[in-house]
Amino acid sequence: MPLFASLPPEILDRILEMLPPEEVLVFRRVCRLADKYITSNTTLHRAMYRHAFGRHKEDNIGWQDLQELLKLCNEMRR
C-alpha cells in the first residue's frame, strides 16, 4: 500500500492543492489508488481550477450572459 494512503484526507487534499495541476495528473496516472481518490474528489477539482485560472473577482455570475453564450455555442455546433 502506498504511504500516502495512510494520510488523513484533509492533509492529502492540502498537499495536492499546493501542486500544479500537471503534477497532480502525473501522480494520478502512476498510482491506481491515487487515481480513484483524485477522480472522486470534487473539492480537489475546485482547488485545481482556482490554481489554474484564479478566483473570480466577483461572486455574481451574469446568468443571462452565460445563457446567451451557451446558445451561441450550441448554434455554432450545428
PDB file of N, CA and C in Angstrom:
ATOM      1  N   MET A   1       0.840  -1.175   0.000  1.00  0.00           N
ATOM      2  CA  MET A   1       0.000   0.000   0.000  1.00  0.00           C
ATOM      3  C   MET A   1       0.888   1.241   0.000  1.00  0.00           C
ATOM      4  N   PRO A   2       0.556   2.239  -0.838  1.00  0.00           N
ATOM      5  CA  PRO A   2       1.364   3.459  -0.871  1.00  0.00           C
ATOM      6  C   PRO A   2       1.317   4.195   0.465  1.00  0.00           C
ATOM      7  N   LEU A   3       2.381   4.873   0.774  1.00  0.00           N
ATOM      8  CA  LEU A   3       2.478   5.606   2.031  1.00  0.00           C
ATOM      9  C   LEU A   3       1.429   6.707   2.127  1.00  0.00           C
ATOM     10  N   PHE A   4       1.106   7.347   1.003  1.00  0.00           N
ATOM     11  CA  PHE A   4       0.146   8.443   1.055  1.00  0.00           C
ATOM     12  C   PHE A   4      -1.246   7.958   1.482  1.00  0.00           C
ATOM     13  N   ALA A   5      -1.542   6.685   1.302  1.00  0.00           N
ATOM     14  CA  ALA A   5      -2.855   6.147   1.666  1.00  0.00           C
ATOM     15  C   ALA A   5      -3.087   6.194   3.171  1.00  0.00           C
ATOM     16  N   SER A   6      -2.025   6.279   3.953  1.00  0.00           N
ATOM     17  CA  SER A   6      -2.176   6.336   5.405  1.00  0.00           C
ATOM     18  C   SER A   6      -2.408   7.762   5.911  1.00  0.00           C
ATOM     19  N   LEU A   7      -2.295   8.755   5.036  1.00  0.00           N
ATOM     20  CA  LEU A   7      -2.530  10.142   5.434  1.00  0.00           C
ATOM     21  C   LEU A   7      -4.025  10.425   5.546  1.00  0.00           C
ATOM     22  N   PRO A   8      -4.414  11.295   6.495  1.00  0.00           N
ATOM     23  CA  PRO A   8      -5.822  11.710   6.549  1.00  0.00           C
ATOM     24  C   PRO A   8      -6.187  12.474   5.267  1.00  0.00           C
ATOM     25  N   PRO A   9      -7.430  12.357   4.818  1.00  0.00           N
ATOM     26  CA  PRO A   9      -7.834  13.017   3.569  1.00  0.00           C
ATOM     27  C   PRO A   9      -7.598  14.526   3.571  1.00  0.00           C
ATOM     28  N   GLU A  10      -7.774  15.172   4.724  1.00  0.00           N
ATOM     29  CA  GLU A  10      -7.590  16.625   4.795  1.00  0.00           C
ATOM     30  C   GLU A  10      -6.145  17.011   4.475  1.00  0.00           C
ATOM     31  N   ILE A  11      -5.209  16.255   4.994  1.00  0.00           N
ATOM     32  CA  ILE A  11      -3.793  16.549   4.754  1.00  0.00           C
ATOM     33  C   ILE A  11      -3.428  16.248   3.310  1.00  0.00           C
ATOM     34  N   LEU A  12      -3.912  15.138   2.800  1.00  0.00           N
ATOM     35  CA  LEU A  12      -3.641  14.787   1.410  1.00  0.00           C
ATOM     36  C   LEU A  12      -4.220  15.838   0.464  1.00  0.00           C
ATOM     37  N   ASP A  13      -5.423  16.322   0.775  1.00  0.00           N
ATOM     38  CA  ASP A  13      -6.019  17.383  -0.046  1.00  0.00           C
ATOM     39  C   ASP A  13      -5.145  18.629  -0.055  1.00  0.00           C
ATOM     40  N   ARG A  14      -4.665  19.030   1.113  1.00  0.00           N
ATOM     41  CA  ARG A  14      -3.834  20.240   1.203  1.00  0.00           C
ATOM     42  C   ARG A  14      -2.537  20.076   0.420  1.00  0.00           C
ATOM     43  N   ILE A  15      -1.949  18.903   0.482  1.00  0.00           N
ATOM     44  CA  ILE A  15      -0.713  18.652  -0.265  1.00  0.00           C
ATOM     45  C   ILE A  15      -0.979  18.736  -1.758  1.00  0.00           C
ATOM     46  N   LEU A  16      -2.032  18.070  -2.212  1.00  0.00           N
ATOM     47  CA  LEU A  16      -2.350  18.068  -3.641  1.00  0.00           C
ATOM     48  C   LEU A  16      -2.768  19.447  -4.141  1.00  0.00           C
ATOM     49  N   GLU A  17      -3.432  20.244  -3.285  1.00  0.00           N
ATOM     50  CA  GLU A  17      -3.835  21.596  -3.677  1.00  0.00           C
ATOM     51  C   GLU A  17      -2.633  22.493  -3.937  1.00  0.00           C
ATOM     52  N   MET A  18      -1.517  22.219  -3.272  1.00  0.00           N
ATOM     53  CA  MET A  18      -0.322  23.047  -3.448  1.00  0.00           C
ATOM     54  C   MET A  18       0.432  22.722  -4.732  1.00  0.00           C
ATOM     55  N   LEU A  19       0.175  21.561  -5.291  1.00  0.00           N
ATOM     56  CA  LEU A  19       0.870  21.155  -6.517  1.00  0.00           C
ATOM     57  C   LEU A  19       0.227  21.776  -7.745  1.00  0.00           C
ATOM     58  N   PRO A  20       1.015  22.022  -8.773  1.00  0.00           N
ATOM     59  CA  PRO A  20       0.418  22.454 -10.043  1.00  0.00           C
ATOM     60  C   PRO A  20      -0.464  21.333 -10.598  1.00  0.00           C
ATOM     61  N   PRO A  21      -1.530  21.679 -11.319  1.00  0.00           N
ATOM     62  CA  PRO A  21      -2.432  20.651 -11.863  1.00  0.00           C
ATOM     63  C   PRO A  21      -1.721  19.587 -12.691  1.00  0.00           C
ATOM     64  N   GLU A  22      -0.659  19.965 -13.391  1.00  0.00           N
ATOM     65  CA  GLU A  22       0.065  18.992 -14.214  1.00  0.00           C
ATOM     66  C   GLU A  22       0.682  17.893 -13.355  1.00  0.00           C
ATOM     67  N   GLU A  23       1.199  18.276 -12.194  1.00  0.00           N
ATOM     68  CA  GLU A  23       1.819  17.298 -11.296  1.00  0.00           C
ATOM     69  C   GLU A  23       0.775  16.363 -10.689  1.00  0.00           C
ATOM     70  N   VAL A  24      -0.409  16.907 -10.405  1.00  0.00           N
ATOM     71  CA  VAL A  24      -1.482  16.068  -9.873  1.00  0.00           C
ATOM     72  C   VAL A  24      -1.887  15.029 -10.916  1.00  0.00           C
ATOM     73  N   LEU A  25      -1.924  15.431 -12.181  1.00  0.00           N
ATOM     74  CA  LEU A  25      -2.259  14.483 -13.246  1.00  0.00           C
ATOM     75  C   LEU A  25      -1.220  13.373 -13.356  1.00  0.00           C
ATOM     76  N   VAL A  26       0.040  13.730 -13.229  1.00  0.00           N
ATOM     77  CA  VAL A  26       1.100  12.714 -13.280  1.00  0.00           C
ATOM     78  C   VAL A  26       0.947  11.746 -12.108  1.00  0.00           C
ATOM     79  N   PHE A  27       0.719  12.283 -10.927  1.00  0.00           N
ATOM     80  CA  PHE A  27       0.530  11.449  -9.736  1.00  0.00           C
ATOM     81  C   PHE A  27      -0.662  10.513  -9.925  1.00  0.00           C
ATOM     82  N   ARG A  28      -1.709  11.023 -10.516  1.00  0.00           N
ATOM     83  CA  ARG A  28      -2.915  10.228 -10.755  1.00  0.00           C
ATOM     84  C   ARG A  28      -2.647   9.079 -11.730  1.00  0.00           C
ATOM     85  N   ARG A  29      -1.793   9.318 -12.699  1.00  0.00           N
ATOM     86  CA  ARG A  29      -1.522   8.308 -13.722  1.00  0.00           C
ATOM     87  C   ARG A  29      -0.633   7.171 -13.235  1.00  0.00           C
ATOM     88  N   VAL A  30       0.200   7.427 -12.239  1.00  0.00           N
ATOM     89  CA  VAL A  30       1.161   6.406 -11.812  1.00  0.00           C
ATOM     90  C   VAL A  30       0.659   5.523 -10.673  1.00  0.00           C
ATOM     91  N   CYS A  31      -0.472   5.872 -10.084  1.00  0.00           N
ATOM     92  CA  CYS A  31      -0.962   5.098  -8.945  1.00  0.00           C
ATOM     93  C   CYS A  31      -2.477   4.908  -9.054  1.00  0.00           C
ATOM     94  N   ARG A  32      -2.900   3.672  -9.066  1.00  0.00           N
ATOM     95  CA  ARG A  32      -4.329   3.364  -9.215  1.00  0.00           C
ATOM     96  C   ARG A  32      -5.135   3.906  -8.034  1.00  0.00           C
ATOM     97  N   LEU A  33      -4.599   3.816  -6.814  1.00  0.00           N
ATOM     98  CA  LEU A  33      -5.289   4.324  -5.634  1.00  0.00           C
ATOM     99  C   LEU A  33      -5.412   5.846  -5.697  1.00  0.00           C
ATOM    100  N   ALA A  34      -4.366   6.512  -6.160  1.00  0.00           N
ATOM    101  CA  ALA A  34      -4.418   7.969  -6.314  1.00  0.00           C
ATOM    102  C   ALA A  34      -5.441   8.355  -7.372  1.00  0.00           C
ATOM    103  N   ASP A  35      -5.510   7.590  -8.445  1.00  0.00           N
ATOM    104  CA  ASP A  35      -6.491   7.861  -9.498  1.00  0.00           C
ATOM    105  C   ASP A  35      -7.901   7.796  -8.935  1.00  0.00           C
ATOM    106  N   LYS A  36      -8.182   6.779  -8.160  1.00  0.00           N
ATOM    107  CA  LYS A  36      -9.511   6.623  -7.564  1.00  0.00           C
ATOM    108  C   LYS A  36      -9.816   7.775  -6.608  1.00  0.00           C
ATOM    109  N   TYR A  37      -8.836   8.169  -5.801  1.00  0.00           N
ATOM    110  CA  TYR A  37      -9.028   9.251  -4.833  1.00  0.00           C
ATOM    111  C   TYR A  37      -9.242  10.590  -5.533  1.00  0.00           C
ATOM    112  N   ILE A  38      -8.414  10.901  -6.506  1.00  0.00           N
ATOM    113  CA  ILE A  38      -8.476  12.195  -7.187  1.00  0.00           C
ATOM    114  C   ILE A  38      -9.727  12.299  -8.049  1.00  0.00           C
ATOM    115  N   THR A  39     -10.094  11.226  -8.720  1.00  0.00           N
ATOM    116  CA  THR A  39     -11.258  11.247  -9.596  1.00  0.00           C
ATOM    117  C   THR A  39     -12.538  11.540  -8.830  1.00  0.00           C
ATOM    118  N   SER A  40     -12.659  11.046  -7.621  1.00  0.00           N
ATOM    119  CA  SER A  40     -13.891  11.224  -6.849  1.00  0.00           C
ATOM    120  C   SER A  40     -13.872  12.455  -5.944  1.00  0.00           C
ATOM    121  N   ASN A  41     -12.842  13.274  -6.003  1.00  0.00           N
ATOM    122  CA  ASN A  41     -12.677  14.381  -5.066  1.00  0.00           C
ATOM    123  C   ASN A  41     -13.054  15.712  -5.714  1.00  0.00           C
ATOM    124  N   THR A  42     -14.301  16.141  -5.551  1.00  0.00           N
ATOM    125  CA  THR A  42     -14.749  17.394  -6.167  1.00  0.00           C
ATOM    126  C   THR A  42     -14.116  18.623  -5.513  1.00  0.00           C
ATOM    127  N   THR A  43     -13.809  18.540  -4.233  1.00  0.00           N
ATOM    128  CA  THR A  43     -13.148  19.664  -3.564  1.00  0.00           C
ATOM    129  C   THR A  43     -11.778  19.916  -4.183  1.00  0.00           C
ATOM    130  N   LEU A  44     -11.079  18.868  -4.468  1.00  0.00           N
ATOM    131  CA  LEU A  44      -9.770  18.997  -5.105  1.00  0.00           C
ATOM    132  C   LEU A  44      -9.910  19.546  -6.522  1.00  0.00           C
ATOM    133  N   HIS A  45     -10.951  19.135  -7.231  1.00  0.00           N
ATOM    134  CA  HIS A  45     -11.181  19.655  -8.585  1.00  0.00           C
ATOM    135  C   HIS A  45     -11.364  21.170  -8.557  1.00  0.00           C
ATOM    136  N   ARG A  46     -12.132  21.658  -7.585  1.00  0.00           N
ATOM    137  CA  ARG A  46     -12.320  23.112  -7.457  1.00  0.00           C
ATOM    138  C   ARG A  46     -10.995  23.808  -7.162  1.00  0.00           C
ATOM    139  N   ALA A  47     -10.211  23.227  -6.283  1.00  0.00           N
ATOM    140  CA  ALA A  47      -8.915  23.819  -5.941  1.00  0.00           C
ATOM    141  C   ALA A  47      -7.992  23.850  -7.152  1.00  0.00           C
ATOM    142  N   MET A  48      -8.001  22.799  -7.959  1.00  0.00           N
ATOM    143  CA  MET A  48      -7.180  22.766  -9.177  1.00  0.00           C
ATOM    144  C   MET A  48      -7.634  23.843 -10.163  1.00  0.00           C
ATOM    145  N   TYR A  49      -8.936  24.038 -10.263  1.00  0.00           N
ATOM    146  CA  TYR A  49      -9.473  25.078 -11.144  1.00  0.00           C
ATOM    147  C   TYR A  49      -9.000  26.454 -10.681  1.00  0.00           C
ATOM    148  N   ARG A  50      -9.119  26.708  -9.367  1.00  0.00           N
ATOM    149  CA  ARG A  50      -8.677  28.003  -8.839  1.00  0.00           C
ATOM    150  C   ARG A  50      -7.176  28.182  -9.034  1.00  0.00           C
ATOM    151  N   HIS A  51      -6.426  27.117  -8.874  1.00  0.00           N
ATOM    152  CA  HIS A  51      -4.975  27.182  -9.049  1.00  0.00           C
ATOM    153  C   HIS A  51      -4.630  27.540 -10.497  1.00  0.00           C
ATOM    154  N   ALA A  52      -5.360  26.955 -11.429  1.00  0.00           N
ATOM    155  CA  ALA A  52      -5.069  27.174 -12.849  1.00  0.00           C
ATOM    156  C   ALA A  52      -5.598  28.507 -13.357  1.00  0.00           C
ATOM    157  N   PHE A  53      -6.799  28.901 -12.917  1.00  0.00           N
ATOM    158  CA  PHE A  53      -7.443  30.076 -13.504  1.00  0.00           C
ATOM    159  C   PHE A  53      -7.649  31.223 -12.535  1.00  0.00           C
ATOM    160  N   GLY A  54      -7.351  31.027 -11.265  1.00  0.00           N
ATOM    161  CA  GLY A  54      -7.543  32.079 -10.284  1.00  0.00           C
ATOM    162  C   GLY A  54      -8.983  32.145  -9.811  1.00  0.00           C
ATOM    163  N   ARG A  55      -9.209  32.988  -8.845  1.00  0.00           N
ATOM    164  CA  ARG A  55     -10.563  33.153  -8.301  1.00  0.00           C
ATOM    165  C   ARG A  55     -11.314  34.208  -9.105  1.00  0.00           C
ATOM    166  N   HIS A  56     -12.641  34.136  -9.013  1.00  0.00           N
ATOM    167  CA  HIS A  56     -13.457  35.168  -9.643  1.00  0.00           C
ATOM    168  C   HIS A  56     -13.288  36.470  -8.876  1.00  0.00           C
ATOM    169  N   LYS A  57     -13.256  37.573  -9.580  1.00  0.00           N
ATOM    170  CA  LYS A  57     -13.144  38.863  -8.907  1.00  0.00           C
ATOM    171  C   LYS A  57     -14.444  39.220  -8.208  1.00  0.00           C
ATOM    172  N   GLU A  58     -15.539  38.761  -8.763  1.00  0.00           N
ATOM    173  CA  GLU A  58     -16.829  38.992  -8.130  1.00  0.00           C
ATOM    174  C   GLU A  58     -17.593  37.678  -8.090  1.00  0.00           C
ATOM    175  N   ASP A  59     -18.414  37.554  -7.072  1.00  0.00           N
ATOM    176  CA  ASP A  59     -19.168  36.319  -6.920  1.00  0.00           C
ATOM    177  C   ASP A  59     -20.428  36.284  -7.772  1.00  0.00           C
ATOM    178  N   ASN A  60     -20.860  37.438  -8.247  1.00  0.00           N
ATOM    179  CA  ASN A  60     -22.075  37.477  -9.049  1.00  0.00           C
ATOM    180  C   ASN A  60     -21.785  36.987 -10.455  1.00  0.00           C
ATOM    181  N   ILE A  61     -22.533  35.985 -10.849  1.00  0.00           N
ATOM    182  CA  ILE A  61     -22.372  35.444 -12.191  1.00  0.00           C
ATOM    183  C   ILE A  61     -23.462  36.032 -13.061  1.00  0.00           C
ATOM    184  N   GLY A  62     -23.102  36.528 -14.219  1.00  0.00           N
ATOM    185  CA  GLY A  62     -24.088  37.058 -15.149  1.00  0.00           C
ATOM    186  C   GLY A  62     -24.797  35.908 -15.851  1.00  0.00           C
ATOM    187  N   TRP A  63     -25.876  35.422 -15.236  1.00  0.00           N
ATOM    188  CA  TRP A  63     -26.553  34.244 -15.769  1.00  0.00           C
ATOM    189  C   TRP A  63     -27.103  34.484 -17.163  1.00  0.00           C
ATOM    190  N   GLN A  64     -27.598  35.685 -17.417  1.00  0.00           N
ATOM    191  CA  GLN A  64     -28.124  35.969 -18.758  1.00  0.00           C
ATOM    192  C   GLN A  64     -27.005  35.917 -19.786  1.00  0.00           C
ATOM    193  N   ASP A  65     -25.872  36.493 -19.457  1.00  0.00           N
ATOM    194  CA  ASP A  65     -24.728  36.444 -20.367  1.00  0.00           C
ATOM    195  C   ASP A  65     -24.278  35.003 -20.600  1.00  0.00           C
ATOM    196  N   LEU A  66     -24.291  34.216 -19.543  1.00  0.00           N
ATOM    197  CA  LEU A  66     -23.891  32.819 -19.660  1.00  0.00           C
ATOM    198  C   LEU A  66     -24.862  32.043 -20.548  1.00  0.00           C
ATOM    199  N   GLN A  67     -26.151  32.295 -20.393  1.00  0.00           N
ATOM    200  CA  GLN A  67     -27.146  31.620 -21.227  1.00  0.00           C
ATOM    201  C   GLN A  67     -26.983  32.009 -22.692  1.00  0.00           C
ATOM    202  N   GLU A  68     -26.722  33.285 -22.948  1.00  0.00           N
ATOM    203  CA  GLU A  68     -26.512  33.733 -24.327  1.00  0.00           C
ATOM    204  C   GLU A  68     -25.265  33.084 -24.930  1.00  0.00           C
ATOM    205  N   LEU A  69     -24.225  32.974 -24.137  1.00  0.00           N
ATOM    206  CA  LEU A  69     -23.003  32.328 -24.608  1.00  0.00           C
ATOM    207  C   LEU A  69     -23.251  30.859 -24.946  1.00  0.00           C
ATOM    208  N   LEU A  70     -24.003  30.174 -24.096  1.00  0.00           N
ATOM    209  CA  LEU A  70     -24.323  28.774 -24.365  1.00  0.00           C
ATOM    210  C   LEU A  70     -25.161  28.620 -25.629  1.00  0.00           C
ATOM    211  N   LYS A  71     -26.095  29.538 -25.844  1.00  0.00           N
ATOM    212  CA  LYS A  71     -26.907  29.494 -27.066  1.00  0.00           C
ATOM    213  C   LYS A  71     -26.023  29.662 -28.292  1.00  0.00           C
ATOM    214  N   LEU A  72     -25.079  30.612 -28.225  1.00  0.00           N
ATOM    215  CA  LEU A  72     -24.171  30.823 -29.351  1.00  0.00           C
ATOM    216  C   LEU A  72     -23.309  29.584 -29.606  1.00  0.00           C
ATOM    217  N   CYS A  73     -22.828  28.972 -28.543  1.00  0.00           N
ATOM    218  CA  CYS A  73     -22.006  27.762 -28.699  1.00  0.00           C
ATOM    219  C   CYS A  73     -22.808  26.635 -29.335  1.00  0.00           C
ATOM    220  N   ASN A  74     -24.044  26.487 -28.897  1.00  0.00           N
ATOM    221  CA  ASN A  74     -24.893  25.436 -29.468  1.00  0.00           C
ATOM    222  C   ASN A  74     -25.201  25.703 -30.935  1.00  0.00           C
ATOM    223  N   GLU A  75     -25.398  26.966 -31.300  1.00  0.00           N
ATOM    224  CA  GLU A  75     -25.660  27.308 -32.696  1.00  0.00           C
ATOM    225  C   GLU A  75     -24.435  27.040 -33.563  1.00  0.00           C
ATOM    226  N   MET A  76     -23.254  27.276 -33.011  1.00  0.00           N
ATOM    227  CA  MET A  76     -22.031  27.050 -33.780  1.00  0.00           C
ATOM    228  C   MET A  76     -21.796  25.562 -34.026  1.00  0.00           C
ATOM    229  N   ARG A  77     -22.281  24.712 -33.137  1.00  0.00           N
ATOM    230  CA  ARG A  77     -22.106  23.270 -33.300  1.00  0.00           C
ATOM    231  C   ARG A  77     -22.963  22.713 -34.430  1.00  0.00           C
ATOM    232  N   ARG A  78     -24.058  23.390 -34.729  1.00  0.00           N
ATOM    233  CA  ARG A  78     -24.983  22.886 -35.764  1.00  0.00           C
ATOM    234  C   ARG A  78     -24.447  23.089 -37.136  1.00  0.00           C
TER     235      ARG A  78
END
